[in-house]
Amino acid sequence: MKVIVDLCVVPIGVGVSVSKYVAECQKVLLEAGLEHQLHAYGTNIEGDWDDVFAAVKRCHERVHAMGAPRITTSIKVGTRTDREQSMQQKIESVSNRET
């Protein structure tokens, strides 16, 4: 099943700046070959359900390995059965209505 996920991984107990942890999660997504888009408060990811959630697990493993004692993660998940739709198609659908 294809899925689009909005992921926000927040390490706790590591200080105020978390950019190095976010960068590590971006590396995980690149290594997994998943289409993704970073935004100000998270990352959108699209791909096969199992591949995406395996990458989320690896993000947690890597961030813990970097010394984060706790992690809180917010995930929004979208699936469709009527047709496949990419993140880009969703953005274009809204953009096309603005003009």
N, C-alpha and C. Protein backbone atom coordinates (compact mmCIF):
# COMPACT_ATOMS: atom_id res chain seq x y z
N MET A 1 0.84 -1.18 0.00
CA MET A 1 0.00 0.00 0.00
C MET A 1 0.89 1.24 0.00
N LYS A 2 0.57 2.20 -0.86
CA LYS A 2 1.29 3.47 -0.91
C LYS A 2 0.77 4.38 0.20
N VAL A 3 1.68 5.21 0.74
CA VAL A 3 1.33 6.08 1.84
C VAL A 3 2.07 7.40 1.70
N ILE A 4 1.43 8.47 2.18
CA ILE A 4 2.10 9.75 2.36
C ILE A 4 2.05 10.04 3.84
N VAL A 5 3.21 10.34 4.42
CA VAL A 5 3.34 10.54 5.85
C VAL A 5 3.92 11.93 6.11
N ASP A 6 3.40 12.59 7.12
CA ASP A 6 4.01 13.82 7.63
C ASP A 6 4.66 13.44 8.95
N LEU A 7 5.97 13.52 9.02
CA LEU A 7 6.75 13.04 10.16
C LEU A 7 7.44 14.19 10.87
N CYS A 8 7.35 14.20 12.20
CA CYS A 8 8.07 15.17 13.01
C CYS A 8 8.70 14.42 14.18
N VAL A 9 10.01 14.25 14.12
CA VAL A 9 10.77 13.55 15.16
C VAL A 9 11.43 14.61 16.04
N VAL A 10 11.17 14.54 17.35
CA VAL A 10 11.70 15.54 18.28
C VAL A 10 12.50 14.83 19.37
N PRO A 11 13.83 14.93 19.32
CA PRO A 11 14.64 14.36 20.40
C PRO A 11 14.48 15.21 21.66
N ILE A 12 14.42 14.54 22.80
CA ILE A 12 14.26 15.22 24.09
C ILE A 12 15.51 14.98 24.92
N GLY A 13 15.94 16.02 25.61
CA GLY A 13 17.11 15.90 26.48
C GLY A 13 18.42 16.15 25.78
N VAL A 14 18.36 16.87 24.63
CA VAL A 14 19.57 17.12 23.85
C VAL A 14 19.87 18.60 23.68
N GLY A 15 19.12 19.45 24.35
CA GLY A 15 19.32 20.89 24.20
C GLY A 15 18.30 21.49 23.25
N VAL A 16 18.51 22.74 22.92
CA VAL A 16 17.54 23.50 22.13
C VAL A 16 17.62 23.18 20.64
N SER A 17 18.81 23.13 20.07
CA SER A 17 18.96 22.89 18.64
C SER A 17 18.86 21.40 18.33
N VAL A 18 18.04 21.07 17.35
CA VAL A 18 17.86 19.67 16.98
C VAL A 18 18.22 19.42 15.51
N SER A 19 18.81 20.41 14.84
CA SER A 19 19.06 20.29 13.41
C SER A 19 19.95 19.10 13.05
N LYS A 20 20.93 18.76 13.88
CA LYS A 20 21.79 17.62 13.53
C LYS A 20 21.02 16.31 13.57
N TYR A 21 20.00 16.23 14.41
CA TYR A 21 19.17 15.03 14.49
C TYR A 21 18.23 14.94 13.29
N VAL A 22 17.68 16.08 12.90
CA VAL A 22 16.84 16.13 11.71
C VAL A 22 17.66 15.76 10.48
N ALA A 23 18.87 16.27 10.40
CA ALA A 23 19.75 15.94 9.27
C ALA A 23 20.03 14.44 9.21
N GLU A 24 20.18 13.82 10.37
CA GLU A 24 20.42 12.37 10.39
C GLU A 24 19.20 11.61 9.87
N CYS A 25 18.01 12.06 10.23
CA CYS A 25 16.79 11.42 9.71
C CYS A 25 16.69 11.63 8.20
N GLN A 26 17.11 12.78 7.70
CA GLN A 26 17.11 13.01 6.26
C GLN A 26 18.04 12.01 5.57
N LYS A 27 19.19 11.73 6.19
CA LYS A 27 20.11 10.73 5.64
C LYS A 27 19.44 9.36 5.56
N VAL A 28 18.70 9.01 6.60
CA VAL A 28 17.98 7.72 6.61
C VAL A 28 17.03 7.65 5.43
N LEU A 29 16.29 8.72 5.18
CA LEU A 29 15.31 8.73 4.09
C LEU A 29 16.01 8.66 2.74
N LEU A 30 17.14 9.34 2.59
CA LEU A 30 17.91 9.24 1.35
C LEU A 30 18.42 7.82 1.13
N GLU A 31 18.97 7.22 2.19
CA GLU A 31 19.47 5.84 2.10
C GLU A 31 18.36 4.87 1.72
N ALA A 32 17.15 5.14 2.19
CA ALA A 32 16.00 4.27 1.90
C ALA A 32 15.45 4.51 0.50
N GLY A 33 15.91 5.58 -0.16
CA GLY A 33 15.43 5.88 -1.50
C GLY A 33 14.00 6.39 -1.53
N LEU A 34 13.55 6.98 -0.42
CA LEU A 34 12.17 7.46 -0.34
C LEU A 34 12.07 8.91 -0.79
N GLU A 35 11.02 9.20 -1.53
CA GLU A 35 10.72 10.58 -1.91
C GLU A 35 10.31 11.32 -0.64
N HIS A 36 10.94 12.46 -0.40
CA HIS A 36 10.60 13.21 0.81
C HIS A 36 10.85 14.69 0.60
N GLN A 37 10.20 15.49 1.44
CA GLN A 37 10.29 16.94 1.35
C GLN A 37 10.34 17.51 2.76
N LEU A 38 11.44 18.12 3.10
CA LEU A 38 11.59 18.77 4.40
C LEU A 38 10.76 20.05 4.42
N HIS A 39 10.11 20.32 5.53
CA HIS A 39 9.44 21.61 5.72
C HIS A 39 9.78 22.11 7.11
N ALA A 40 9.29 23.26 7.49
CA ALA A 40 9.73 23.94 8.70
C ALA A 40 9.52 23.14 9.98
N TYR A 41 8.49 22.31 10.03
CA TYR A 41 8.20 21.57 11.26
C TYR A 41 8.04 20.08 11.02
N GLY A 42 8.78 19.55 10.06
CA GLY A 42 8.71 18.12 9.81
C GLY A 42 9.15 17.77 8.40
N THR A 43 8.79 16.57 8.00
CA THR A 43 9.14 16.05 6.68
C THR A 43 7.98 15.26 6.12
N ASN A 44 7.64 15.52 4.87
CA ASN A 44 6.66 14.70 4.17
C ASN A 44 7.41 13.58 3.47
N ILE A 45 6.85 12.38 3.52
CA ILE A 45 7.49 11.20 2.93
C ILE A 45 6.44 10.44 2.16
N GLU A 46 6.81 9.92 0.99
CA GLU A 46 5.88 9.05 0.27
C GLU A 46 6.60 7.77 -0.13
N GLY A 47 5.84 6.69 -0.18
CA GLY A 47 6.40 5.41 -0.58
C GLY A 47 5.53 4.26 -0.12
N ASP A 48 6.07 3.08 -0.21
CA ASP A 48 5.37 1.89 0.26
C ASP A 48 5.27 1.93 1.79
N TRP A 49 4.14 1.54 2.32
CA TRP A 49 3.89 1.57 3.77
C TRP A 49 5.05 0.97 4.55
N ASP A 50 5.43 -0.25 4.22
CA ASP A 50 6.48 -0.94 4.99
C ASP A 50 7.82 -0.22 4.90
N ASP A 51 8.15 0.30 3.73
CA ASP A 51 9.41 1.02 3.55
C ASP A 51 9.43 2.31 4.36
N VAL A 52 8.33 3.04 4.34
CA VAL A 52 8.26 4.31 5.07
C VAL A 52 8.36 4.07 6.58
N PHE A 53 7.61 3.10 7.08
CA PHE A 53 7.63 2.89 8.53
C PHE A 53 8.92 2.22 9.00
N ALA A 54 9.58 1.47 8.12
CA ALA A 54 10.91 0.94 8.47
C ALA A 54 11.90 2.10 8.59
N ALA A 55 11.77 3.10 7.72
CA ALA A 55 12.65 4.27 7.79
C ALA A 55 12.37 5.09 9.05
N VAL A 56 11.11 5.22 9.45
CA VAL A 56 10.77 5.92 10.69
C VAL A 56 11.45 5.22 11.87
N LYS A 57 11.41 3.90 11.88
CA LYS A 57 12.07 3.14 12.94
C LYS A 57 13.57 3.41 12.93
N ARG A 58 14.19 3.41 11.74
CA ARG A 58 15.62 3.68 11.65
C ARG A 58 15.96 5.10 12.12
N CYS A 59 15.08 6.06 11.85
CA CYS A 59 15.30 7.42 12.37
C CYS A 59 15.39 7.39 13.89
N HIS A 60 14.47 6.69 14.52
CA HIS A 60 14.51 6.59 15.98
C HIS A 60 15.80 5.92 16.44
N GLU A 61 16.18 4.83 15.78
CA GLU A 61 17.40 4.12 16.18
C GLU A 61 18.62 5.03 16.05
N ARG A 62 18.72 5.77 14.96
CA ARG A 62 19.88 6.64 14.73
C ARG A 62 19.92 7.79 15.73
N VAL A 63 18.77 8.41 15.98
CA VAL A 63 18.73 9.54 16.91
C VAL A 63 19.07 9.08 18.32
N HIS A 64 18.57 7.91 18.73
CA HIS A 64 18.97 7.37 20.03
C HIS A 64 20.48 7.09 20.06
N ALA A 65 21.00 6.55 18.96
CA ALA A 65 22.44 6.25 18.90
C ALA A 65 23.29 7.52 18.99
N MET A 66 22.71 8.65 18.62
CA MET A 66 23.41 9.94 18.71
C MET A 66 23.37 10.50 20.13
N GLY A 67 22.68 9.82 21.03
CA GLY A 67 22.67 10.25 22.42
C GLY A 67 21.36 10.79 22.96
N ALA A 68 20.32 10.84 22.13
CA ALA A 68 19.03 11.32 22.62
C ALA A 68 18.39 10.26 23.50
N PRO A 69 18.15 10.57 24.78
CA PRO A 69 17.58 9.58 25.67
C PRO A 69 16.09 9.33 25.43
N ARG A 70 15.41 10.34 24.86
CA ARG A 70 13.98 10.22 24.58
C ARG A 70 13.68 10.86 23.23
N ILE A 71 12.62 10.36 22.60
CA ILE A 71 12.15 10.94 21.34
C ILE A 71 10.64 10.94 21.38
N THR A 72 10.07 12.05 20.95
CA THR A 72 8.62 12.08 20.73
C THR A 72 8.41 12.33 19.24
N THR A 73 7.50 11.59 18.65
CA THR A 73 7.27 11.68 17.21
C THR A 73 5.79 11.87 16.93
N SER A 74 5.51 12.81 16.04
CA SER A 74 4.14 13.01 15.54
C SER A 74 4.11 12.51 14.11
N ILE A 75 3.08 11.73 13.78
CA ILE A 75 2.94 11.18 12.44
C ILE A 75 1.50 11.36 11.97
N LYS A 76 1.35 11.92 10.78
CA LYS A 76 0.06 11.94 10.10
C LYS A 76 0.22 11.04 8.88
N VAL A 77 -0.77 10.18 8.65
CA VAL A 77 -0.68 9.18 7.59
C VAL A 77 -1.88 9.31 6.66
N GLY A 78 -1.61 9.31 5.36
CA GLY A 78 -2.68 9.32 4.38
C GLY A 78 -2.51 8.20 3.37
N THR A 79 -3.61 7.50 3.10
CA THR A 79 -3.61 6.47 2.07
C THR A 79 -4.85 6.66 1.20
N ARG A 80 -4.79 6.13 -0.01
CA ARG A 80 -5.94 6.18 -0.93
C ARG A 80 -6.10 4.81 -1.56
N THR A 81 -7.33 4.45 -1.84
CA THR A 81 -7.58 3.20 -2.55
C THR A 81 -8.15 3.46 -3.94
N ASP A 82 -8.62 4.69 -4.20
CA ASP A 82 -9.23 4.99 -5.50
C ASP A 82 -8.20 5.26 -6.60
N ARG A 83 -7.02 5.79 -6.21
CA ARG A 83 -5.96 6.05 -7.18
C ARG A 83 -4.69 6.39 -6.42
N GLU A 84 -3.55 6.33 -7.12
CA GLU A 84 -2.29 6.78 -6.53
C GLU A 84 -2.18 8.28 -6.70
N GLN A 85 -1.61 8.94 -5.69
CA GLN A 85 -1.40 10.38 -5.76
C GLN A 85 -0.09 10.71 -5.05
N SER A 86 0.76 11.46 -5.72
CA SER A 86 2.05 11.83 -5.13
C SER A 86 1.91 13.13 -4.33
N MET A 87 2.93 13.41 -3.53
CA MET A 87 2.96 14.67 -2.79
C MET A 87 2.89 15.85 -3.77
N GLN A 88 3.65 15.76 -4.85
CA GLN A 88 3.69 16.84 -5.82
C GLN A 88 2.33 17.05 -6.46
N GLN A 89 1.62 15.98 -6.77
CA GLN A 89 0.28 16.11 -7.36
C GLN A 89 -0.68 16.80 -6.39
N LYS A 90 -0.55 16.51 -5.10
CA LYS A 90 -1.40 17.16 -4.11
C LYS A 90 -1.14 18.66 -4.05
N ILE A 91 0.14 19.03 -4.11
CA ILE A 91 0.51 20.45 -4.09
C ILE A 91 0.00 21.15 -5.35
N GLU A 92 0.20 20.51 -6.49
CA GLU A 92 -0.24 21.10 -7.76
C GLU A 92 -1.75 21.26 -7.81
N SER A 93 -2.47 20.33 -7.22
CA SER A 93 -3.93 20.40 -7.21
C SER A 93 -4.41 21.67 -6.52
N VAL A 94 -3.76 22.03 -5.42
CA VAL A 94 -4.11 23.26 -4.71
C VAL A 94 -3.62 24.48 -5.48
N SER A 95 -2.39 24.43 -5.96
CA SER A 95 -1.81 25.56 -6.70
C SER A 95 -2.65 25.90 -7.93
N ASN A 96 -3.15 24.91 -8.62
CA ASN A 96 -3.94 25.14 -9.82
C ASN A 96 -5.25 25.87 -9.50
N ARG A 97 -5.74 25.76 -8.32
CA ARG A 97 -6.99 26.42 -7.92
C ARG A 97 -6.75 27.86 -7.48
N GLU A 98 -5.51 28.21 -7.21
CA GLU A 98 -5.18 29.56 -6.77
C GLU A 98 -5.18 30.55 -7.92
N THR A 99 -5.00 30.07 -9.14
CA THR A 99 -4.90 30.98 -10.28
C THR A 99 -6.21 31.14 -11.00
